[in-house]
Protein backbone atom coordinates (compact mmCIF):
# COMPACT_ATOMS: atom_id res chain seq x y z
CA MET A 1 4.77 19.55 8.69
CA THR A 2 2.35 20.11 5.81
CA GLN A 3 2.87 17.76 2.89
CA PRO A 4 3.85 19.56 -0.34
CA LEU A 5 0.98 19.93 -2.76
CA ALA A 6 2.73 17.89 -5.46
CA ASP A 7 3.13 15.02 -3.02
CA GLN A 8 -0.55 15.24 -2.02
CA ILE A 9 -1.60 15.17 -5.65
CA GLU A 10 0.67 12.27 -6.53
CA ASP A 11 -0.82 10.24 -3.68
CA LEU A 12 -4.25 10.71 -5.31
CA LEU A 13 -3.19 9.47 -8.77
CA PRO A 14 -3.73 5.79 -9.70
CA GLN A 15 -0.05 5.31 -10.59
CA THR A 16 -0.70 3.47 -13.86
CA GLN A 17 2.20 5.50 -15.35
CA CYS A 18 0.30 5.43 -18.66
CA THR A 19 1.36 8.92 -19.92
CA LYS A 20 -2.24 9.59 -21.12
CA CYS A 21 -2.15 12.80 -19.08
CA GLY A 22 0.51 14.12 -21.50
CA TYR A 23 3.39 13.68 -19.02
CA PRO A 24 5.98 10.87 -18.88
CA ALA A 25 4.73 9.56 -15.54
CA CYS A 26 2.34 10.30 -12.69
CA ARG A 27 4.87 12.38 -10.70
CA PRO A 28 5.53 14.96 -13.45
CA TYR A 29 1.76 15.34 -13.90
CA ALA A 30 1.30 15.91 -10.18
CA GLU A 31 4.02 18.56 -10.23
CA ALA A 32 2.45 20.24 -13.27
CA ILE A 33 -0.95 20.39 -11.50
CA ALA A 34 0.68 21.83 -8.39
CA ARG A 35 2.33 24.53 -10.52
CA GLY A 36 -0.98 25.34 -12.20
CA GLU A 37 0.28 24.16 -15.60
CA ALA A 38 -2.05 21.16 -16.01
CA GLU A 39 -5.74 20.58 -15.43
CA ILE A 40 -7.07 17.98 -13.01
CA ASN A 41 -9.07 16.17 -15.70
CA GLN A 42 -6.19 14.64 -17.70
CA CYS A 43 -6.08 11.19 -15.99
CA PRO A 44 -8.58 8.78 -17.56
CA PRO A 45 -7.47 5.79 -15.38
CA GLY A 46 -8.52 7.76 -12.31
CA GLY A 47 -11.85 8.61 -13.94
CA MET A 48 -14.31 11.11 -12.48
CA GLU A 49 -13.60 9.88 -8.97
CA GLY A 50 -10.00 10.85 -9.56
CA VAL A 51 -11.06 14.31 -10.76
CA ARG A 52 -13.14 14.74 -7.61
CA ARG A 53 -10.22 13.76 -5.40
CA LEU A 54 -7.92 16.18 -7.18
CA ALA A 55 -10.52 18.95 -7.01
CA ALA A 56 -10.76 18.53 -3.26
CA ALA A 57 -6.99 18.68 -2.90
CA THR A 58 -6.48 21.70 -5.15
CA GLY A 59 -9.69 23.70 -4.58
CA ARG A 60 -10.52 23.55 -8.28
CA LYS A 61 -13.90 22.83 -9.79
CA VAL A 62 -14.86 19.31 -10.83
CA ILE A 63 -14.79 19.09 -14.65
CA PRO A 64 -15.28 16.21 -17.09
CA ILE A 65 -12.32 14.08 -18.27
CA ASN A 66 -10.67 15.77 -21.25
CA PRO A 67 -11.40 13.51 -24.21
CA ALA A 68 -8.03 14.51 -25.69
CA ASN A 69 -6.49 12.39 -22.93
CA GLY A 70 -8.81 9.41 -23.34
CA VAL A 71 -11.95 8.12 -21.74
CA GLU A 72 -12.78 6.45 -18.42
CA ARG A 73 -13.10 2.72 -19.02
CA PRO A 74 -13.05 -0.68 -17.36
CA ARG A 75 -9.54 -1.66 -16.27
CA PRO A 76 -7.70 -3.67 -18.94
CA VAL A 77 -4.81 -6.07 -18.60
CA ALA A 78 -2.36 -6.77 -21.42
CA PHE A 79 -2.35 -10.24 -22.96
CA ILE A 80 0.40 -11.60 -25.25
CA ASP A 81 -0.44 -14.16 -27.92
CA GLU A 82 2.52 -16.50 -27.26
CA ALA A 83 2.17 -18.11 -30.63
CA LEU A 84 2.94 -14.81 -32.36
CA CYS A 85 5.52 -13.36 -29.99
CA ILE A 86 9.01 -13.18 -31.51
CA GLY A 87 10.85 -12.15 -28.38
CA CYS A 88 11.90 -8.71 -29.56
CA THR A 89 11.80 -7.28 -25.97
CA LEU A 90 10.26 -3.98 -27.14
CA CYS A 91 7.27 -4.49 -24.87
CA ILE A 92 9.53 -5.17 -21.92
CA GLN A 93 11.34 -1.92 -22.57
CA ALA A 94 8.04 -0.03 -22.78
CA CYS A 95 6.44 -1.43 -19.65
CA PRO A 96 6.78 1.24 -16.88
CA VAL A 97 6.18 -1.19 -13.97
CA ASP A 98 8.15 -4.32 -14.97
CA ALA A 99 5.04 -6.46 -15.49
CA ILE A 100 6.41 -8.44 -18.46
CA LEU A 101 8.71 -11.45 -18.26
CA GLY A 102 10.85 -12.67 -21.10
CA ALA A 103 14.24 -12.45 -22.81
CA ALA A 104 15.58 -11.73 -26.31
CA LYS A 105 14.26 -14.22 -28.84
CA GLN A 106 12.22 -15.91 -26.10
CA MET A 107 8.47 -15.87 -25.64
CA HIS A 108 7.23 -13.08 -23.35
CA THR A 109 4.34 -13.19 -20.86
CA ILE A 110 2.39 -10.62 -18.88
CA LEU A 111 2.04 -10.84 -15.10
CA PRO A 112 -1.63 -9.90 -14.78
CA SER A 113 -1.35 -9.02 -11.08
CA LEU A 114 1.31 -6.42 -11.89
CA CYS A 115 -0.11 -5.01 -15.14
CA THR A 116 -1.62 -1.51 -14.73
CA GLY A 117 -3.33 -1.52 -18.10
CA CYS A 118 -1.29 1.42 -19.36
CA ASP A 119 -1.35 0.29 -23.04
CA LEU A 120 2.27 1.33 -23.53
CA CYS A 121 3.37 -2.15 -24.64
CA VAL A 122 0.86 -2.34 -27.51
CA ALA A 123 2.28 0.19 -30.00
CA PRO A 124 5.92 -0.98 -30.00
CA CYS A 125 5.00 -4.64 -30.75
CA PRO A 126 6.06 -5.27 -34.40
CA VAL A 127 3.78 -8.34 -34.78
CA ASP A 128 0.64 -6.99 -33.06
CA CYS A 129 0.56 -9.90 -30.61
CA ILE A 130 -0.60 -7.82 -27.57
CA ALA A 131 -4.24 -7.17 -26.78
CA MET A 132 -5.76 -5.18 -23.89
CA VAL A 133 -8.47 -7.33 -22.21
CA PRO A 134 -10.99 -5.71 -19.79
CA VAL A 135 -10.97 -7.44 -16.39
CA SER A 136 -13.10 -5.23 -14.14
CA GLY A 137 -16.56 -5.77 -15.60
CA ASP A 138 -18.53 -2.56 -15.58
CA ALA A 139 -16.30 -0.93 -12.92
CA THR A 140 -14.23 2.00 -14.22
CA GLY A 141 -11.67 4.48 -12.87
CA TRP A 142 -10.94 4.15 -9.17
CA ASP A 143 -13.83 1.68 -8.84
CA ALA A 144 -11.76 -0.71 -10.98
CA TRP A 145 -8.54 -0.08 -9.08
CA SER A 146 -7.41 0.11 -5.45
CA GLN A 147 -5.04 2.15 -3.32
CA PRO A 148 -2.83 -0.90 -2.55
CA ALA A 149 -2.55 -1.64 -6.24
CA ALA A 150 -1.63 1.99 -6.97
CA ASP A 151 0.97 1.98 -4.17
CA ALA A 152 2.51 -1.23 -5.49
CA ALA A 153 2.59 0.10 -9.11
CA ARG A 154 4.23 3.29 -7.90
CA ALA A 155 6.94 1.34 -6.01
CA ARG A 156 7.69 -0.81 -9.05
CA HIS A 157 7.88 2.22 -11.30
CA ASP A 158 10.27 3.98 -8.90
CA LEU A 159 12.48 0.89 -8.63
CA ARG A 160 12.58 0.53 -12.43
CA SER A 161 13.46 4.18 -12.88
CA ALA A 162 16.28 3.88 -10.36
CA ARG A 163 17.57 0.72 -12.03
CA LEU A 164 17.58 2.33 -15.49
CA GLN A 165 19.40 5.39 -14.15
CA ARG A 166 21.96 3.18 -12.46
CA GLU A 167 22.54 1.29 -15.71
CA ARG A 168 23.02 4.56 -17.61
CA ASP A 169 25.46 5.80 -15.00
CA GLU A 170 27.42 2.52 -15.13
CA ASN A 171 27.56 2.64 -18.91
CA ASP A 172 28.77 6.25 -18.82
CA ALA A 173 31.45 5.24 -16.31
CA ARG A 174 32.64 2.42 -18.57
CA LEU A 175 32.82 4.75 -21.56
CA ALA A 176 34.73 7.29 -19.49
CA ALA A 177 37.22 4.64 -18.38
CA LYS A 178 37.78 3.56 -21.95
CA ALA A 179 38.37 7.16 -22.95
CA VAL A 180 41.01 7.51 -20.24
CA GLU A 181 42.76 4.39 -21.43
CA LYS A 182 42.62 5.61 -25.02
CA MET A 183 44.08 8.92 -23.94
CA ARG A 184 46.90 7.16 -22.21
CA ALA A 185 47.53 5.02 -25.30
CA VAL A 186 47.63 8.07 -27.56
CA THR A 187 49.95 9.93 -25.16
CA ALA A 188 52.32 6.93 -25.17
CA GLU A 189 52.47 6.71 -28.97
CA ALA A 190 55.72 7.78 -30.52
CA ALA A 191 55.54 10.71 -32.91
CA ASN A 192 58.58 10.99 -35.14
CA THR A 193 57.32 13.34 -37.84
CA PRO A 194 55.27 16.56 -37.83
CA GLU A 195 52.40 14.66 -39.48
CA GLU A 196 52.44 11.96 -36.81
CA LEU A 197 52.59 14.61 -34.10
CA ALA A 198 49.63 16.46 -35.62
CA GLU A 199 47.63 13.22 -35.86
CA LYS A 200 48.47 12.44 -32.22
CA GLU A 201 47.24 15.87 -31.10
CA ARG A 202 44.11 15.50 -33.16
CA LYS A 203 43.28 12.17 -31.48
CA ARG A 204 44.01 13.68 -28.07
CA ALA A 205 41.71 16.61 -28.78
CA ILE A 206 38.87 14.31 -29.84
CA ILE A 207 39.20 12.14 -26.75
CA ALA A 208 39.50 15.19 -24.48
CA ALA A 209 36.34 16.63 -25.97
CA ALA A 210 34.48 13.32 -25.46
CA MET A 211 35.63 13.19 -21.84
CA GLU A 212 34.47 16.78 -21.22
CA ARG A 213 31.05 15.94 -22.66
CA ALA A 214 30.85 12.91 -20.36
CA ARG A 215 31.84 15.08 -17.38
CA LEU A 216 29.15 17.71 -18.19
CA LYS A 217 26.54 15.00 -18.60
CA ALA A 218 27.46 13.43 -15.29
CA ALA A 219 27.35 16.85 -13.62
CA GLY A 220 23.89 17.44 -15.10
CA ASN A 221 22.61 14.12 -13.76
CA THR A 222 24.01 14.95 -10.32
CA ASP A 223 22.20 18.29 -10.31
CA LYS A 224 18.88 16.57 -11.24
CA ASN A 225 19.29 14.12 -8.38
């Protein structure tokens, strides 16, 4: 069976998940190319070799990297100045491939072998303690990267995305359970006066509305999956 074009394109991307292409991850960019909504020159980490690979897969012409998306460069790795790190965890939340270790109010550190050089951890840092250090010499684009490294980064990104979705679902479930308990408590409340009865109905309406919003959100997530 022929592999869908979006899958073919995704396999050709370096999987740095850097968002420089203008999309939130490599997969949405691949899908946009397949739909004809994005050009093949929006991935600086892949460099011109990446453009040539995408051109061969899509039948499009080879064109220069769009400077609006960045420039082809030696591969960098993030480095945290541990003396300045305050343990805010914002870099950990920003890293798309779980390449940062640390905990709240504890010093963080980068795992160089896992870092894709995406730059996404730099901007959120409130104390400017993260620097991007080139590690590939003069090699740029795919010459500074490898298919095994891309495959590993893709796997870590997918695992992280699944974990975050699971945590959101679990949080929604906890909130829904609390809403059910609150509804039961309100229902069990005695209402001896018209005012108390009206207040009871108001609370019940608020909780019911919140539960319906949670149901619709859960249904939306199910449809996406």
